[in-house]
């Protein structure tokens, strides 16, 4: 599976962005998918995850009620809608796939097998 993230950019505090992750490969619909982010000088952290059919979603506390993760298996795509953005949301955002799990969403980056190249989100104050 190859992943490509897009949709990042510069936005003001309170603004919105939608990130997309395009996947290649016929097994996309079998994988748990997730978004992680990495701010400068910090470790990569879990943002949101979604099970194989979109029936279950999970969020980091810091983004709950502001971000929405979704997927469209027919299009081999995953999305992250980000509302009410804050300067602390500034980071490179990565999409990831866990080929070992269909339903269980794990929050540790090391457990994901495939990664996109990242897309930069900058929120100005």
C-alpha atoms as a PDB file:
ATOM      1  CA  UNK A   1       0.000   0.000   0.000  1.00  0.00           C
ATOM      2  CA  UNK A   2       1.266   3.459  -0.903  1.00  0.00           C
ATOM      3  CA  UNK A   3      -0.193   6.482   0.802  1.00  0.00           C
ATOM      4  CA  UNK A   4      -0.148  10.114  -0.212  1.00  0.00           C
ATOM      5  CA  UNK A   5      -1.357  12.888   2.053  1.00  0.00           C
ATOM      6  CA  UNK A   6      -2.477  16.269   0.776  1.00  0.00           C
ATOM      7  CA  UNK A   7      -4.540  19.287   1.721  1.00  0.00           C
ATOM      8  CA  UNK A   8      -2.280  21.058   4.176  1.00  0.00           C
ATOM      9  CA  UNK A   9      -1.668  24.754   4.104  1.00  0.00           C
ATOM     10  CA  UNK A  10      -1.675  28.009   6.025  1.00  0.00           C
ATOM     11  CA  UNK A  11      -4.839  28.944   7.888  1.00  0.00           C
ATOM     12  CA  UNK A  12      -5.761  31.448  10.561  1.00  0.00           C
ATOM     13  CA  UNK A  13      -6.823  30.515  14.055  1.00  0.00           C
ATOM     14  CA  UNK A  14     -10.411  29.318  13.992  1.00  0.00           C
ATOM     15  CA  UNK A  15     -10.225  28.277  10.370  1.00  0.00           C
ATOM     16  CA  UNK A  16     -10.769  24.899   8.752  1.00  0.00           C
ATOM     17  CA  UNK A  17      -8.917  22.512   6.486  1.00  0.00           C
ATOM     18  CA  UNK A  18      -9.607  19.093   5.053  1.00  0.00           C
ATOM     19  CA  UNK A  19      -6.745  16.677   4.629  1.00  0.00           C
ATOM     20  CA  UNK A  20      -6.918  13.783   2.208  1.00  0.00           C
ATOM     21  CA  UNK A  21      -4.999  10.538   2.049  1.00  0.00           C
ATOM     22  CA  UNK A  22      -5.011   8.661  -1.248  1.00  0.00           C
ATOM     23  CA  UNK A  23      -4.110   4.990  -1.102  1.00  0.00           C
ATOM     24  CA  UNK A  24      -3.050   2.527  -3.743  1.00  0.00           C
ATOM     25  CA  UNK A  25      -3.624  -1.187  -3.454  1.00  0.00           C
ATOM     26  CA  UNK A  26      -6.659  -3.421  -3.319  1.00  0.00           C
ATOM     27  CA  UNK A  27      -6.411  -4.150   0.408  1.00  0.00           C
ATOM     28  CA  UNK A  28      -7.001  -0.590   1.619  1.00  0.00           C
ATOM     29  CA  UNK A  29     -10.472  -1.443   2.860  1.00  0.00           C
ATOM     30  CA  UNK A  30      -9.010  -4.152   5.116  1.00  0.00           C
ATOM     31  CA  UNK A  31      -6.797  -1.842   7.134  1.00  0.00           C
ATOM     32  CA  UNK A  32      -7.233   0.367  10.115  1.00  0.00           C
ATOM     33  CA  UNK A  33      -6.198   3.868   9.102  1.00  0.00           C
ATOM     34  CA  UNK A  34      -5.037   6.815  11.167  1.00  0.00           C
ATOM     35  CA  UNK A  35      -3.717  10.336  11.149  1.00  0.00           C
ATOM     36  CA  UNK A  36      -0.674  11.297  13.170  1.00  0.00           C
ATOM     37  CA  UNK A  37       1.052  14.635  13.472  1.00  0.00           C
ATOM     38  CA  UNK A  38       4.518  15.820  14.323  1.00  0.00           C
ATOM     39  CA  UNK A  39       5.334  19.327  15.461  1.00  0.00           C
ATOM     40  CA  UNK A  40       8.896  20.667  15.179  1.00  0.00           C
ATOM     41  CA  UNK A  41      11.135  19.109  17.790  1.00  0.00           C
ATOM     42  CA  UNK A  42       8.419  16.798  19.059  1.00  0.00           C
ATOM     43  CA  UNK A  43       7.533  13.158  18.587  1.00  0.00           C
ATOM     44  CA  UNK A  44       4.887  11.915  16.198  1.00  0.00           C
ATOM     45  CA  UNK A  45       1.556  11.576  17.979  1.00  0.00           C
ATOM     46  CA  UNK A  46      -1.804  10.038  17.263  1.00  0.00           C
ATOM     47  CA  UNK A  47      -4.559  12.363  16.102  1.00  0.00           C
ATOM     48  CA  UNK A  48      -7.420  10.152  14.927  1.00  0.00           C
ATOM     49  CA  UNK A  49      -8.076   6.619  13.740  1.00  0.00           C
ATOM     50  CA  UNK A  50     -10.801   4.736  11.910  1.00  0.00           C
ATOM     51  CA  UNK A  51     -11.598   1.064  11.560  1.00  0.00           C
ATOM     52  CA  UNK A  52     -11.864  -0.798   8.257  1.00  0.00           C
ATOM     53  CA  UNK A  53     -15.396   0.251   7.319  1.00  0.00           C
ATOM     54  CA  UNK A  54     -15.628   3.610   9.041  1.00  0.00           C
ATOM     55  CA  UNK A  55     -17.953   2.287  11.693  1.00  0.00           C
ATOM     56  CA  UNK A  56     -15.698   3.241  14.585  1.00  0.00           C
ATOM     57  CA  UNK A  57     -13.555   6.331  15.049  1.00  0.00           C
ATOM     58  CA  UNK A  58     -11.172   7.435  17.762  1.00  0.00           C
ATOM     59  CA  UNK A  59      -9.643  10.792  18.577  1.00  0.00           C
ATOM     60  CA  UNK A  60      -6.923  12.269  20.708  1.00  0.00           C
ATOM     61  CA  UNK A  61      -8.400  14.405  23.468  1.00  0.00           C
ATOM     62  CA  UNK A  62      -6.735  17.482  22.016  1.00  0.00           C
ATOM     63  CA  UNK A  63      -8.752  17.291  18.796  1.00  0.00           C
ATOM     64  CA  UNK A  64     -12.005  15.716  19.947  1.00  0.00           C
ATOM     65  CA  UNK A  65     -15.085  17.652  18.845  1.00  0.00           C
ATOM     66  CA  UNK A  66     -12.995  19.681  16.380  1.00  0.00           C
ATOM     67  CA  UNK A  67     -11.655  17.059  13.960  1.00  0.00           C
ATOM     68  CA  UNK A  68     -13.554  14.400  12.051  1.00  0.00           C
ATOM     69  CA  UNK A  69     -11.952  11.381  10.411  1.00  0.00           C
ATOM     70  CA  UNK A  70     -13.691   9.516   7.608  1.00  0.00           C
ATOM     71  CA  UNK A  71     -12.920   7.129   4.789  1.00  0.00           C
ATOM     72  CA  UNK A  72     -14.326   6.176   1.406  1.00  0.00           C
ATOM     73  CA  UNK A  73     -13.226   2.648   0.582  1.00  0.00           C
ATOM     74  CA  UNK A  74     -14.676   2.865  -2.915  1.00  0.00           C
ATOM     75  CA  UNK A  75     -12.230   5.695  -3.613  1.00  0.00           C
ATOM     76  CA  UNK A  76      -9.343   4.292  -1.570  1.00  0.00           C
ATOM     77  CA  UNK A  77      -9.296   7.508   0.393  1.00  0.00           C
ATOM     78  CA  UNK A  78      -9.296   8.784   3.943  1.00  0.00           C
ATOM     79  CA  UNK A  79      -9.999  12.301   5.158  1.00  0.00           C
ATOM     80  CA  UNK A  80      -9.498  14.512   8.174  1.00  0.00           C
ATOM     81  CA  UNK A  81     -11.786  17.477   8.509  1.00  0.00           C
ATOM     82  CA  UNK A  82     -10.240  20.000  10.905  1.00  0.00           C
ATOM     83  CA  UNK A  83     -12.346  22.799  12.334  1.00  0.00           C
ATOM     84  CA  UNK A  84     -11.635  25.510  14.915  1.00  0.00           C
ATOM     85  CA  UNK A  85      -7.932  25.214  14.264  1.00  0.00           C
ATOM     86  CA  UNK A  86      -5.481  26.474  16.879  1.00  0.00           C
ATOM     87  CA  UNK A  87      -1.815  27.427  16.631  1.00  0.00           C
ATOM     88  CA  UNK A  88      -0.968  24.275  18.589  1.00  0.00           C
ATOM     89  CA  UNK A  89      -2.381  22.222  15.725  1.00  0.00           C
ATOM     90  CA  UNK A  90       0.575  23.337  13.600  1.00  0.00           C
ATOM     91  CA  UNK A  91       2.454  20.215  12.509  1.00  0.00           C
ATOM     92  CA  UNK A  92       3.198  17.889   9.656  1.00  0.00           C
ATOM     93  CA  UNK A  93       0.267  15.516   9.352  1.00  0.00           C
ATOM     94  CA  UNK A  94       0.814  11.931   8.260  1.00  0.00           C
ATOM     95  CA  UNK A  95      -1.645   9.268   7.216  1.00  0.00           C
ATOM     96  CA  UNK A  96      -0.855   5.694   8.164  1.00  0.00           C
ATOM     97  CA  UNK A  97      -2.183   2.192   7.657  1.00  0.00           C
ATOM     98  CA  UNK A  98      -2.062  -0.746  10.062  1.00  0.00           C
ATOM     99  CA  UNK A  99      -2.126  -3.954   8.015  1.00  0.00           C
ATOM    100  CA  UNK A 100      -2.315  -6.122  11.131  1.00  0.00           C
ATOM    101  CA  UNK A 101      -5.638  -4.754  12.300  1.00  0.00           C
ATOM    102  CA  UNK A 102      -9.089  -4.514  10.823  1.00  0.00           C
ATOM    103  CA  UNK A 103     -11.013  -3.193  13.793  1.00  0.00           C
ATOM    104  CA  UNK A 104      -8.640  -2.250  16.586  1.00  0.00           C
ATOM    105  CA  UNK A 105      -7.296   1.276  16.279  1.00  0.00           C
ATOM    106  CA  UNK A 106      -3.944   1.662  17.985  1.00  0.00           C
ATOM    107  CA  UNK A 107      -2.394   4.968  18.939  1.00  0.00           C
ATOM    108  CA  UNK A 108       1.289   4.071  18.703  1.00  0.00           C
ATOM    109  CA  UNK A 109       3.100   5.106  15.562  1.00  0.00           C
ATOM    110  CA  UNK A 110       5.434   2.114  15.633  1.00  0.00           C
ATOM    111  CA  UNK A 111       2.481  -0.229  15.086  1.00  0.00           C
ATOM    112  CA  UNK A 112       1.634   1.223  11.685  1.00  0.00           C
ATOM    113  CA  UNK A 113       3.166  -0.313   8.607  1.00  0.00           C
ATOM    114  CA  UNK A 114       2.586   2.184   5.842  1.00  0.00           C
ATOM    115  CA  UNK A 115       3.001   5.952   5.897  1.00  0.00           C
ATOM    116  CA  UNK A 116       2.304   8.843   3.615  1.00  0.00           C
ATOM    117  CA  UNK A 117       4.857  11.555   3.072  1.00  0.00           C
ATOM    118  CA  UNK A 118       3.151  14.134   5.277  1.00  0.00           C
ATOM    119  CA  UNK A 119       1.441  17.431   4.633  1.00  0.00           C
ATOM    120  CA  UNK A 120       2.207  20.616   6.551  1.00  0.00           C
ATOM    121  CA  UNK A 121      -0.530  22.438   8.414  1.00  0.00           C
ATOM    122  CA  UNK A 122       0.334  25.865   9.757  1.00  0.00           C
ATOM    123  CA  UNK A 123      -2.139  27.763  11.925  1.00  0.00           C
ATOM    124  CA  UNK A 124      -1.334  31.414  12.429  1.00  0.00           C
ATOM    125  CA  UNK A 125      -2.384  33.300  15.537  1.00  0.00           C
END
